[in-house]
Amino acid sequence: MYTLITVLILIVCILLILIVLVQNSKGGGLASSFQSSNQVMGVRKTADFLEKGTWFLAGALIIFSITGSVFIPRDRAGEDQSMIRDQIDNTIDPSQTPIFPSAEPEVQTPVQEQESENAQ
């Protein structure tokens, strides 16, 4: 259902783009190409049709968008969140890791030897 609504949204968007591009902002556009007065659909009717089509497609886009948000598949999103939360809970804090002694004996520098002799 979500895929169907997404396809319908894309179709409405393309149609809305085409209708807006056909219109002219100063009242010309497709309506200006009908010069003769004996047309079945005159200049004014074409402009009214394009305006009504624009409003209809804009309303359809809003309705499809709201409907699409209702049908978003949410069952998988919860699983992904729980997997991420488990990984966060199971991580080890780097500042809390134990420091193990190295296998090599510690070599004292001459400064450390003098400090140990002075301490005795």
N, C-alpha and C. Protein backbone atom coordinates (compact mmCIF):
# COMPACT_ATOMS: atom_id res chain seq x y z
N MET A 1 0.82 -1.19 0.00
CA MET A 1 0.00 0.00 0.00
C MET A 1 0.87 1.26 0.00
N TYR A 2 1.96 1.21 0.76
CA TYR A 2 2.86 2.36 0.83
C TYR A 2 3.49 2.63 -0.54
N THR A 3 3.85 1.57 -1.25
CA THR A 3 4.45 1.73 -2.58
C THR A 3 3.45 2.34 -3.55
N LEU A 4 2.20 1.91 -3.50
CA LEU A 4 1.16 2.45 -4.37
C LEU A 4 0.97 3.95 -4.12
N ILE A 5 0.92 4.34 -2.86
CA ILE A 5 0.74 5.76 -2.54
C ILE A 5 1.95 6.57 -2.97
N THR A 6 3.14 6.00 -2.85
CA THR A 6 4.35 6.69 -3.29
C THR A 6 4.33 6.92 -4.80
N VAL A 7 3.89 5.92 -5.56
CA VAL A 7 3.79 6.06 -7.02
C VAL A 7 2.75 7.12 -7.37
N LEU A 8 1.62 7.12 -6.67
CA LEU A 8 0.59 8.13 -6.92
C LEU A 8 1.11 9.54 -6.62
N ILE A 9 1.90 9.68 -5.57
CA ILE A 9 2.48 10.98 -5.24
C ILE A 9 3.41 11.44 -6.36
N LEU A 10 4.22 10.53 -6.90
CA LEU A 10 5.12 10.90 -7.99
C LEU A 10 4.35 11.31 -9.24
N ILE A 11 3.28 10.60 -9.56
CA ILE A 11 2.46 10.95 -10.73
C ILE A 11 1.82 12.32 -10.54
N VAL A 12 1.27 12.58 -9.36
CA VAL A 12 0.66 13.88 -9.09
C VAL A 12 1.70 14.99 -9.17
N CYS A 13 2.89 14.74 -8.68
CA CYS A 13 3.95 15.76 -8.74
C CYS A 13 4.31 16.09 -10.18
N ILE A 14 4.45 15.08 -11.01
CA ILE A 14 4.79 15.32 -12.42
C ILE A 14 3.68 16.09 -13.12
N LEU A 15 2.43 15.71 -12.89
CA LEU A 15 1.31 16.43 -13.50
C LEU A 15 1.23 17.87 -13.01
N LEU A 16 1.49 18.07 -11.73
CA LEU A 16 1.46 19.41 -11.17
C LEU A 16 2.56 20.28 -11.79
N ILE A 17 3.72 19.72 -11.98
CA ILE A 17 4.82 20.45 -12.63
C ILE A 17 4.43 20.85 -14.04
N LEU A 18 3.85 19.91 -14.78
CA LEU A 18 3.45 20.21 -16.16
C LEU A 18 2.38 21.28 -16.23
N ILE A 19 1.39 21.22 -15.37
CA ILE A 19 0.32 22.23 -15.39
C ILE A 19 0.86 23.60 -15.01
N VAL A 20 1.76 23.65 -14.04
CA VAL A 20 2.31 24.95 -13.64
C VAL A 20 3.18 25.53 -14.76
N LEU A 21 3.92 24.67 -15.46
CA LEU A 21 4.75 25.17 -16.55
C LEU A 21 3.92 25.64 -17.74
N VAL A 22 2.75 25.07 -17.96
CA VAL A 22 1.89 25.49 -19.07
C VAL A 22 1.31 26.86 -18.79
N GLN A 23 1.07 27.18 -17.54
CA GLN A 23 0.48 28.47 -17.20
C GLN A 23 1.49 29.59 -17.36
N ASN A 24 1.00 30.75 -17.68
CA ASN A 24 1.84 31.94 -17.74
C ASN A 24 1.46 32.82 -16.55
N SER A 25 2.45 33.37 -15.90
CA SER A 25 2.16 34.15 -14.69
C SER A 25 1.38 35.43 -14.99
N LYS A 26 1.41 35.92 -16.23
CA LYS A 26 0.71 37.16 -16.57
C LYS A 26 -0.59 36.89 -17.31
N GLY A 27 -1.10 35.69 -17.24
CA GLY A 27 -2.39 35.40 -17.85
C GLY A 27 -2.30 34.86 -19.25
N GLY A 28 -1.10 34.67 -19.80
CA GLY A 28 -0.94 34.14 -21.15
C GLY A 28 -0.91 32.63 -21.11
N GLY A 29 0.22 32.07 -21.36
CA GLY A 29 0.40 30.62 -21.31
C GLY A 29 -0.37 29.92 -22.41
N LEU A 30 -0.95 28.81 -22.10
CA LEU A 30 -1.71 28.02 -23.06
C LEU A 30 -2.95 28.78 -23.50
N ALA A 31 -3.51 29.57 -22.62
CA ALA A 31 -4.72 30.32 -22.93
C ALA A 31 -4.47 31.36 -24.01
N SER A 32 -3.26 31.89 -24.11
CA SER A 32 -2.99 32.93 -25.10
C SER A 32 -2.91 32.38 -26.52
N SER A 33 -2.71 31.09 -26.67
CA SER A 33 -2.60 30.52 -28.01
C SER A 33 -3.96 30.39 -28.69
N PHE A 34 -5.06 30.49 -27.96
CA PHE A 34 -6.40 30.43 -28.54
C PHE A 34 -6.84 31.85 -28.90
N GLN A 35 -6.59 32.25 -30.14
CA GLN A 35 -6.88 33.62 -30.54
C GLN A 35 -8.30 33.81 -31.07
N SER A 36 -8.85 32.80 -31.68
CA SER A 36 -10.17 32.99 -32.28
C SER A 36 -11.26 32.93 -31.22
N SER A 37 -12.31 33.69 -31.43
CA SER A 37 -13.37 33.78 -30.43
C SER A 37 -14.41 32.69 -30.58
N ASN A 38 -14.39 31.92 -31.68
CA ASN A 38 -15.42 30.90 -31.88
C ASN A 38 -14.94 29.52 -31.44
N GLN A 39 -13.95 29.45 -30.59
CA GLN A 39 -13.48 28.16 -30.07
C GLN A 39 -14.52 27.60 -29.10
N VAL A 40 -14.58 26.28 -29.01
CA VAL A 40 -15.50 25.65 -28.06
C VAL A 40 -15.06 25.98 -26.64
N MET A 41 -13.77 25.90 -26.43
CA MET A 41 -13.22 26.22 -25.12
C MET A 41 -12.40 27.49 -25.27
N GLY A 42 -12.89 28.59 -24.82
CA GLY A 42 -12.24 29.86 -25.04
C GLY A 42 -11.05 30.08 -24.13
N VAL A 43 -10.50 31.28 -24.21
CA VAL A 43 -9.31 31.63 -23.44
C VAL A 43 -9.60 31.59 -21.94
N ARG A 44 -10.71 32.13 -21.55
CA ARG A 44 -11.03 32.18 -20.14
C ARG A 44 -11.28 30.79 -19.57
N LYS A 45 -11.94 29.94 -20.36
CA LYS A 45 -12.22 28.59 -19.87
C LYS A 45 -10.93 27.78 -19.72
N THR A 46 -9.96 28.01 -20.60
CA THR A 46 -8.69 27.30 -20.48
C THR A 46 -7.96 27.72 -19.22
N ALA A 47 -7.94 29.01 -18.95
CA ALA A 47 -7.28 29.50 -17.74
C ALA A 47 -7.98 28.96 -16.49
N ASP A 48 -9.32 28.91 -16.52
CA ASP A 48 -10.07 28.36 -15.37
C ASP A 48 -9.76 26.88 -15.19
N PHE A 49 -9.69 26.16 -16.31
CA PHE A 49 -9.39 24.73 -16.23
C PHE A 49 -8.01 24.49 -15.63
N LEU A 50 -7.02 25.26 -16.08
CA LEU A 50 -5.66 25.10 -15.56
C LEU A 50 -5.59 25.47 -14.08
N GLU A 51 -6.31 26.50 -13.69
CA GLU A 51 -6.30 26.89 -12.27
C GLU A 51 -6.97 25.83 -11.40
N LYS A 52 -8.11 25.32 -11.87
CA LYS A 52 -8.79 24.27 -11.10
C LYS A 52 -7.97 22.99 -11.05
N GLY A 53 -7.30 22.69 -12.16
CA GLY A 53 -6.42 21.51 -12.17
C GLY A 53 -5.27 21.65 -11.20
N THR A 54 -4.71 22.86 -11.11
CA THR A 54 -3.61 23.11 -10.17
C THR A 54 -4.08 22.92 -8.74
N TRP A 55 -5.22 23.48 -8.40
CA TRP A 55 -5.75 23.34 -7.04
C TRP A 55 -6.09 21.89 -6.72
N PHE A 56 -6.67 21.19 -7.69
CA PHE A 56 -7.03 19.78 -7.48
C PHE A 56 -5.78 18.94 -7.24
N LEU A 57 -4.75 19.13 -8.08
CA LEU A 57 -3.53 18.34 -7.91
C LEU A 57 -2.80 18.70 -6.62
N ALA A 58 -2.82 19.96 -6.23
CA ALA A 58 -2.19 20.35 -4.96
C ALA A 58 -2.91 19.69 -3.78
N GLY A 59 -4.24 19.68 -3.83
CA GLY A 59 -5.00 19.01 -2.76
C GLY A 59 -4.75 17.51 -2.75
N ALA A 60 -4.69 16.90 -3.94
CA ALA A 60 -4.42 15.46 -4.02
C ALA A 60 -3.03 15.15 -3.47
N LEU A 61 -2.05 16.02 -3.73
CA LEU A 61 -0.70 15.80 -3.22
C LEU A 61 -0.68 15.85 -1.69
N ILE A 62 -1.40 16.78 -1.11
CA ILE A 62 -1.47 16.88 0.35
C ILE A 62 -2.14 15.64 0.94
N ILE A 63 -3.25 15.23 0.34
CA ILE A 63 -3.97 14.05 0.86
C ILE A 63 -3.13 12.79 0.72
N PHE A 64 -2.47 12.61 -0.43
CA PHE A 64 -1.62 11.43 -0.61
C PHE A 64 -0.43 11.44 0.35
N SER A 65 0.11 12.62 0.62
CA SER A 65 1.25 12.70 1.55
C SER A 65 0.84 12.31 2.96
N ILE A 66 -0.30 12.80 3.40
CA ILE A 66 -0.78 12.43 4.75
C ILE A 66 -1.11 10.94 4.81
N THR A 67 -1.77 10.45 3.76
CA THR A 67 -2.11 9.02 3.72
C THR A 67 -0.84 8.16 3.68
N GLY A 68 0.15 8.61 2.94
CA GLY A 68 1.41 7.87 2.86
C GLY A 68 2.12 7.80 4.19
N SER A 69 2.03 8.86 4.98
CA SER A 69 2.68 8.84 6.29
C SER A 69 2.00 7.86 7.25
N VAL A 70 0.73 7.59 7.01
CA VAL A 70 0.02 6.61 7.85
C VAL A 70 0.49 5.19 7.53
N PHE A 71 0.79 4.93 6.25
CA PHE A 71 1.13 3.58 5.82
C PHE A 71 2.63 3.31 5.79
N ILE A 72 3.44 4.14 6.40
CA ILE A 72 4.88 3.88 6.43
C ILE A 72 5.12 2.60 7.22
N PRO A 73 5.89 1.65 6.64
CA PRO A 73 6.15 0.41 7.38
C PRO A 73 7.04 0.68 8.60
N ARG A 74 6.49 0.45 9.78
CA ARG A 74 7.20 0.77 11.02
C ARG A 74 7.70 -0.47 11.75
N ASP A 75 7.32 -1.65 11.37
CA ASP A 75 7.73 -2.85 12.10
C ASP A 75 9.22 -3.09 12.00
N ARG A 76 9.83 -2.83 10.89
CA ARG A 76 11.26 -3.03 10.72
C ARG A 76 12.05 -1.93 11.41
N ALA A 77 11.52 -0.77 11.50
CA ALA A 77 12.23 0.34 12.15
C ALA A 77 12.46 0.05 13.63
N GLY A 78 11.51 -0.59 14.27
CA GLY A 78 11.67 -0.94 15.68
C GLY A 78 12.76 -1.96 15.89
N GLU A 79 12.89 -2.91 14.95
CA GLU A 79 13.94 -3.91 15.05
C GLU A 79 15.31 -3.26 14.90
N ASP A 80 15.44 -2.34 13.96
CA ASP A 80 16.72 -1.66 13.76
C ASP A 80 17.10 -0.85 14.98
N GLN A 81 16.13 -0.18 15.59
CA GLN A 81 16.43 0.60 16.79
C GLN A 81 16.87 -0.30 17.93
N SER A 82 16.22 -1.45 18.08
CA SER A 82 16.60 -2.33 19.18
C SER A 82 17.99 -2.92 18.94
N MET A 83 18.35 -3.19 17.69
CA MET A 83 19.70 -3.69 17.40
C MET A 83 20.74 -2.63 17.72
N ILE A 84 20.47 -1.41 17.38
CA ILE A 84 21.41 -0.32 17.67
C ILE A 84 21.51 -0.10 19.17
N ARG A 85 20.37 -0.16 19.86
CA ARG A 85 20.38 0.02 21.30
C ARG A 85 21.18 -1.11 21.99
N ASP A 86 21.06 -2.35 21.49
CA ASP A 86 21.83 -3.46 22.05
C ASP A 86 23.33 -3.24 21.85
N GLN A 87 23.71 -2.75 20.68
CA GLN A 87 25.12 -2.49 20.43
C GLN A 87 25.65 -1.39 21.35
N ILE A 88 24.85 -0.37 21.57
CA ILE A 88 25.28 0.71 22.47
C ILE A 88 25.41 0.20 23.90
N ASP A 89 24.46 -0.62 24.33
CA ASP A 89 24.51 -1.15 25.69
C ASP A 89 25.68 -2.10 25.89
N ASN A 90 26.09 -2.81 24.84
CA ASN A 90 27.14 -3.83 24.98
C ASN A 90 28.54 -3.27 24.70
N THR A 91 28.67 -2.02 24.36
CA THR A 91 30.00 -1.47 24.11
C THR A 91 30.74 -1.27 25.43
N ILE A 92 32.04 -1.37 25.34
CA ILE A 92 32.89 -1.21 26.52
C ILE A 92 33.45 0.21 26.50
N ASP A 93 33.39 0.86 27.63
CA ASP A 93 33.91 2.21 27.76
C ASP A 93 35.43 2.15 27.69
N PRO A 94 36.06 2.86 26.76
CA PRO A 94 37.52 2.77 26.63
C PRO A 94 38.28 3.25 27.86
N SER A 95 37.69 4.14 28.63
CA SER A 95 38.39 4.61 29.82
C SER A 95 38.33 3.58 30.96
N GLN A 96 37.46 2.59 30.85
CA GLN A 96 37.32 1.57 31.88
C GLN A 96 38.05 0.27 31.55
N THR A 97 38.78 0.21 30.45
CA THR A 97 39.48 -1.02 30.10
C THR A 97 40.69 -1.21 31.02
N PRO A 98 40.93 -2.42 31.44
CA PRO A 98 42.08 -2.67 32.33
C PRO A 98 43.40 -2.56 31.57
N ILE A 99 44.42 -2.14 32.28
CA ILE A 99 45.76 -2.03 31.70
C ILE A 99 46.55 -3.23 32.19
N PHE A 100 46.93 -4.08 31.27
CA PHE A 100 47.68 -5.28 31.61
C PHE A 100 49.16 -4.99 31.57
N PRO A 101 49.94 -5.63 32.46
CA PRO A 101 51.39 -5.39 32.44
C PRO A 101 51.99 -6.01 31.17
N SER A 102 53.01 -5.37 30.69
CA SER A 102 53.65 -5.89 29.49
C SER A 102 54.57 -7.04 29.86
N ALA A 103 54.92 -7.84 28.87
CA ALA A 103 55.76 -9.01 29.10
C ALA A 103 57.22 -8.64 29.26
N GLU A 104 57.61 -7.47 28.80
CA GLU A 104 59.00 -7.04 28.89
C GLU A 104 59.26 -6.41 30.26
N PRO A 105 60.45 -6.67 30.83
CA PRO A 105 60.75 -6.04 32.11
C PRO A 105 60.94 -4.53 31.92
N GLU A 106 60.57 -3.82 32.95
CA GLU A 106 60.65 -2.37 32.87
C GLU A 106 62.09 -1.92 33.08
N VAL A 107 62.57 -1.10 32.15
CA VAL A 107 63.94 -0.59 32.22
C VAL A 107 63.89 0.80 32.83
N GLN A 108 64.71 0.99 33.86
CA GLN A 108 64.70 2.30 34.52
C GLN A 108 65.70 3.23 33.85
N THR A 109 65.30 4.45 33.71
CA THR A 109 66.20 5.47 33.15
C THR A 109 67.11 5.97 34.27
N PRO A 110 68.20 6.62 33.94
CA PRO A 110 69.09 7.13 35.00
C PRO A 110 68.39 8.08 35.96
N VAL A 111 67.42 8.85 35.51
CA VAL A 111 66.71 9.77 36.40
C VAL A 111 65.88 8.98 37.40
N GLN A 112 65.25 7.90 36.94
CA GLN A 112 64.44 7.08 37.84
C GLN A 112 65.33 6.35 38.85
N GLU A 113 66.55 5.95 38.45
CA GLU A 113 67.47 5.28 39.38
C GLU A 113 67.89 6.23 40.50
N GLN A 114 68.13 7.48 40.14
CA GLN A 114 68.54 8.46 41.15
C GLN A 114 67.39 8.74 42.11
N GLU A 115 66.18 8.81 41.61
CA GLU A 115 65.03 9.06 42.48
C GLU A 115 64.81 7.88 43.44
N SER A 116 65.03 6.65 42.95
CA SER A 116 64.83 5.50 43.84
C SER A 116 65.92 5.43 44.89
N GLU A 117 67.17 5.85 44.54
CA GLU A 117 68.25 5.87 45.54
C GLU A 117 68.01 6.95 46.59
N ASN A 118 67.49 8.10 46.16
CA ASN A 118 67.21 9.19 47.08
C ASN A 118 66.04 8.84 48.01
N ALA A 119 65.14 8.04 47.55
CA ALA A 119 63.97 7.68 48.37
C ALA A 119 64.37 6.69 49.45
N GLN A 120 65.45 5.96 49.27
CA GLN A 120 65.84 4.97 50.27
C GLN A 120 66.59 5.62 51.33
